[in-house]
Amino acid sequence: MNEGFKNLLFFLAGAAVGALGATVVSRNQESLRPVVTDLLAKGMDLKDKAGAILETAKENIEDLVAEARHAQESRTDAAPAEPKA
């Protein structure tokens, strides 16, 4: 089975699952509403937590870069000037 045919099968399977899901949601809209609402709320909580973690990591990296620049400048200032020939 070649790669193109395999990808086509995956696409068709995904389309079939999507169509089935759309049919189920349209028929049982009221019974699924609380489940979908809860799922979306948990997804938003996860997004907020991930954003906070990424922000902390960004701040830590910025601190490290600032310290590295300071260390580099200190080494450059402390190095004796080499005489030009």
N, C-alpha and C. Protein backbone atom coordinates (compact mmCIF):
# COMPACT_ATOMS: atom_id res chain seq x y z
N MET A 1 0.85 -1.16 0.00
CA MET A 1 0.00 0.00 0.00
C MET A 1 0.90 1.23 0.00
N ASN A 2 0.70 2.11 -0.98
CA ASN A 2 1.57 3.28 -1.05
C ASN A 2 1.10 4.37 -0.07
N GLU A 3 1.95 5.37 0.13
CA GLU A 3 1.70 6.42 1.12
C GLU A 3 0.47 7.26 0.77
N GLY A 4 0.25 7.57 -0.49
CA GLY A 4 -0.90 8.37 -0.90
C GLY A 4 -2.22 7.68 -0.60
N PHE A 5 -2.29 6.37 -0.89
CA PHE A 5 -3.50 5.61 -0.63
C PHE A 5 -3.78 5.53 0.87
N LYS A 6 -2.71 5.36 1.64
CA LYS A 6 -2.83 5.29 3.10
C LYS A 6 -3.37 6.61 3.64
N ASN A 7 -2.85 7.73 3.15
CA ASN A 7 -3.33 9.05 3.58
C ASN A 7 -4.79 9.26 3.19
N LEU A 8 -5.17 8.80 2.00
CA LEU A 8 -6.55 8.91 1.57
C LEU A 8 -7.47 8.13 2.51
N LEU A 9 -7.06 6.94 2.91
CA LEU A 9 -7.88 6.14 3.84
C LEU A 9 -8.03 6.85 5.19
N PHE A 10 -6.93 7.43 5.69
CA PHE A 10 -7.02 8.18 6.94
C PHE A 10 -7.96 9.37 6.81
N PHE A 11 -7.89 10.07 5.68
CA PHE A 11 -8.77 11.22 5.45
C PHE A 11 -10.23 10.78 5.42
N LEU A 12 -10.51 9.70 4.69
CA LEU A 12 -11.88 9.22 4.59
C LEU A 12 -12.40 8.74 5.95
N ALA A 13 -11.55 8.09 6.74
CA ALA A 13 -11.96 7.65 8.07
C ALA A 13 -12.26 8.85 8.95
N GLY A 14 -11.42 9.89 8.88
CA GLY A 14 -11.65 11.10 9.66
C GLY A 14 -12.93 11.80 9.25
N ALA A 15 -13.19 11.85 7.95
CA ALA A 15 -14.43 12.47 7.46
C ALA A 15 -15.65 11.69 7.94
N ALA A 16 -15.56 10.35 7.93
CA ALA A 16 -16.68 9.52 8.38
C ALA A 16 -16.94 9.73 9.87
N VAL A 17 -15.87 9.77 10.67
CA VAL A 17 -16.02 9.99 12.11
C VAL A 17 -16.60 11.38 12.37
N GLY A 18 -16.14 12.37 11.62
CA GLY A 18 -16.67 13.72 11.77
C GLY A 18 -18.15 13.80 11.42
N ALA A 19 -18.54 13.15 10.35
CA ALA A 19 -19.95 13.15 9.94
C ALA A 19 -20.81 12.42 10.99
N LEU A 20 -20.30 11.33 11.51
CA LEU A 20 -21.03 10.60 12.55
C LEU A 20 -21.17 11.46 13.80
N GLY A 21 -20.08 12.14 14.18
CA GLY A 21 -20.13 13.01 15.35
C GLY A 21 -21.11 14.15 15.16
N ALA A 22 -21.14 14.74 13.98
CA ALA A 22 -22.07 15.84 13.70
C ALA A 22 -23.51 15.35 13.78
N THR A 23 -23.76 14.15 13.31
CA THR A 23 -25.11 13.59 13.37
C THR A 23 -25.54 13.35 14.81
N VAL A 24 -24.65 12.78 15.61
CA VAL A 24 -24.97 12.50 17.02
C VAL A 24 -25.22 13.81 17.76
N VAL A 25 -24.38 14.81 17.53
CA VAL A 25 -24.54 16.10 18.22
C VAL A 25 -25.85 16.77 17.83
N SER A 26 -26.22 16.72 16.56
CA SER A 26 -27.45 17.39 16.13
C SER A 26 -28.69 16.69 16.69
N ARG A 27 -28.62 15.39 16.89
CA ARG A 27 -29.79 14.66 17.40
C ARG A 27 -29.91 14.78 18.92
N ASN A 28 -28.79 14.76 19.62
CA ASN A 28 -28.80 14.77 21.09
C ASN A 28 -28.21 16.06 21.62
N GLN A 29 -28.59 17.15 21.05
CA GLN A 29 -27.96 18.43 21.38
C GLN A 29 -28.15 18.79 22.85
N GLU A 30 -29.32 18.62 23.39
CA GLU A 30 -29.58 19.02 24.78
C GLU A 30 -28.87 18.12 25.78
N SER A 31 -28.76 16.85 25.50
CA SER A 31 -28.10 15.95 26.45
C SER A 31 -26.58 16.10 26.42
N LEU A 32 -26.03 16.57 25.31
CA LEU A 32 -24.58 16.74 25.20
C LEU A 32 -24.11 18.11 25.66
N ARG A 33 -25.02 19.06 25.79
CA ARG A 33 -24.64 20.43 26.13
C ARG A 33 -23.83 20.52 27.43
N PRO A 34 -24.24 19.89 28.53
CA PRO A 34 -23.44 19.98 29.76
C PRO A 34 -22.06 19.33 29.61
N VAL A 35 -21.99 18.26 28.87
CA VAL A 35 -20.71 17.57 28.67
C VAL A 35 -19.77 18.46 27.86
N VAL A 36 -20.27 19.05 26.80
CA VAL A 36 -19.44 19.91 25.96
C VAL A 36 -19.03 21.16 26.73
N THR A 37 -19.93 21.72 27.51
CA THR A 37 -19.61 22.90 28.32
C THR A 37 -18.50 22.58 29.31
N ASP A 38 -18.60 21.45 29.99
CA ASP A 38 -17.57 21.05 30.94
C ASP A 38 -16.24 20.79 30.24
N LEU A 39 -16.29 20.17 29.10
CA LEU A 39 -15.07 19.90 28.34
C LEU A 39 -14.40 21.20 27.91
N LEU A 40 -15.18 22.15 27.44
CA LEU A 40 -14.62 23.44 27.05
C LEU A 40 -14.04 24.19 28.24
N ALA A 41 -14.71 24.13 29.37
CA ALA A 41 -14.21 24.80 30.58
C ALA A 41 -12.88 24.21 31.01
N LYS A 42 -12.77 22.89 30.97
CA LYS A 42 -11.50 22.24 31.33
C LYS A 42 -10.41 22.58 30.32
N GLY A 43 -10.78 22.68 29.06
CA GLY A 43 -9.81 23.07 28.04
C GLY A 43 -9.30 24.48 28.27
N MET A 44 -10.19 25.39 28.66
CA MET A 44 -9.77 26.77 28.94
C MET A 44 -8.88 26.82 30.18
N ASP A 45 -9.20 26.00 31.21
CA ASP A 45 -8.34 25.93 32.39
C ASP A 45 -6.94 25.44 32.01
N LEU A 46 -6.89 24.43 31.18
CA LEU A 46 -5.61 23.89 30.73
C LEU A 46 -4.83 24.93 29.95
N LYS A 47 -5.51 25.69 29.09
CA LYS A 47 -4.86 26.75 28.33
C LYS A 47 -4.28 27.81 29.26
N ASP A 48 -5.04 28.19 30.28
CA ASP A 48 -4.57 29.19 31.24
C ASP A 48 -3.35 28.69 32.01
N LYS A 49 -3.38 27.44 32.45
CA LYS A 49 -2.24 26.87 33.17
C LYS A 49 -1.01 26.80 32.27
N ALA A 50 -1.20 26.38 31.03
CA ALA A 50 -0.08 26.30 30.10
C ALA A 50 0.49 27.69 29.84
N GLY A 51 -0.38 28.69 29.71
CA GLY A 51 0.08 30.06 29.51
C GLY A 51 0.90 30.56 30.68
N ALA A 52 0.46 30.24 31.90
CA ALA A 52 1.20 30.65 33.10
C ALA A 52 2.57 29.97 33.16
N ILE A 53 2.61 28.70 32.82
CA ILE A 53 3.89 27.97 32.82
C ILE A 53 4.83 28.55 31.77
N LEU A 54 4.30 28.83 30.59
CA LEU A 54 5.14 29.40 29.54
C LEU A 54 5.63 30.80 29.90
N GLU A 55 4.80 31.59 30.55
CA GLU A 55 5.20 32.93 30.96
C GLU A 55 6.33 32.85 32.00
N THR A 56 6.22 31.92 32.94
CA THR A 56 7.27 31.74 33.94
C THR A 56 8.57 31.30 33.27
N ALA A 57 8.47 30.38 32.33
CA ALA A 57 9.66 29.91 31.62
C ALA A 57 10.29 31.05 30.83
N LYS A 58 9.46 31.88 30.20
CA LYS A 58 9.97 33.02 29.43
C LYS A 58 10.71 33.98 30.35
N GLU A 59 10.14 34.27 31.52
CA GLU A 59 10.80 35.17 32.46
C GLU A 59 12.14 34.59 32.93
N ASN A 60 12.16 33.30 33.21
CA ASN A 60 13.41 32.66 33.65
C ASN A 60 14.48 32.73 32.56
N ILE A 61 14.07 32.51 31.33
CA ILE A 61 15.03 32.57 30.22
C ILE A 61 15.53 33.99 30.04
N GLU A 62 14.64 34.97 30.15
CA GLU A 62 15.08 36.37 30.03
C GLU A 62 16.07 36.73 31.14
N ASP A 63 15.83 36.22 32.36
CA ASP A 63 16.77 36.46 33.47
C ASP A 63 18.13 35.84 33.18
N LEU A 64 18.12 34.62 32.67
CA LEU A 64 19.38 33.94 32.35
C LEU A 64 20.15 34.68 31.26
N VAL A 65 19.45 35.15 30.25
CA VAL A 65 20.11 35.89 29.17
C VAL A 65 20.70 37.19 29.71
N ALA A 66 19.97 37.88 30.58
CA ALA A 66 20.49 39.13 31.16
C ALA A 66 21.73 38.85 32.00
N GLU A 67 21.71 37.78 32.78
CA GLU A 67 22.88 37.42 33.59
C GLU A 67 24.06 37.05 32.71
N ALA A 68 23.80 36.33 31.63
CA ALA A 68 24.88 35.94 30.73
C ALA A 68 25.49 37.17 30.05
N ARG A 69 24.65 38.12 29.65
CA ARG A 69 25.18 39.36 29.05
C ARG A 69 26.02 40.14 30.05
N HIS A 70 25.55 40.19 31.29
CA HIS A 70 26.30 40.90 32.33
C HIS A 70 27.65 40.21 32.56
N ALA A 71 27.65 38.89 32.61
CA ALA A 71 28.90 38.15 32.80
C ALA A 71 29.84 38.38 31.62
N GLN A 72 29.30 38.41 30.42
CA GLN A 72 30.12 38.65 29.23
C GLN A 72 30.71 40.05 29.27
N GLU A 73 29.91 41.03 29.62
CA GLU A 73 30.41 42.41 29.70
C GLU A 73 31.47 42.54 30.80
N SER A 74 31.29 41.84 31.92
CA SER A 74 32.27 41.89 33.00
C SER A 74 33.60 41.30 32.54
N ARG A 75 33.55 40.21 31.80
CA ARG A 75 34.80 39.60 31.29
C ARG A 75 35.47 40.53 30.30
N THR A 76 34.68 41.17 29.45
CA THR A 76 35.24 42.07 28.45
C THR A 76 35.88 43.29 29.13
N ASP A 77 35.24 43.84 30.14
CA ASP A 77 35.77 44.99 30.85
C ASP A 77 37.01 44.62 31.66
N ALA A 78 37.05 43.41 32.18
CA ALA A 78 38.18 42.99 33.03
C ALA A 78 39.40 42.56 32.20
N ALA A 79 39.20 42.19 30.96
CA ALA A 79 40.33 41.74 30.13
C ALA A 79 41.23 42.93 29.82
N PRO A 80 42.55 42.73 29.93
CA PRO A 80 43.47 43.83 29.61
C PRO A 80 43.44 44.12 28.12
N ALA A 81 43.58 45.38 27.80
CA ALA A 81 43.59 45.78 26.40
C ALA A 81 44.86 45.31 25.75
N GLU A 82 44.73 44.67 24.62
CA GLU A 82 45.91 44.19 23.91
C GLU A 82 46.50 45.32 23.08
N PRO A 83 47.83 45.50 23.15
CA PRO A 83 48.45 46.58 22.35
C PRO A 83 48.36 46.25 20.88
N LYS A 84 48.15 47.29 20.09
CA LYS A 84 48.06 47.10 18.64
C LYS A 84 49.48 47.16 18.08
N ALA A 85 49.73 46.35 17.11
CA ALA A 85 51.08 46.30 16.54
C ALA A 85 51.33 47.37 15.55
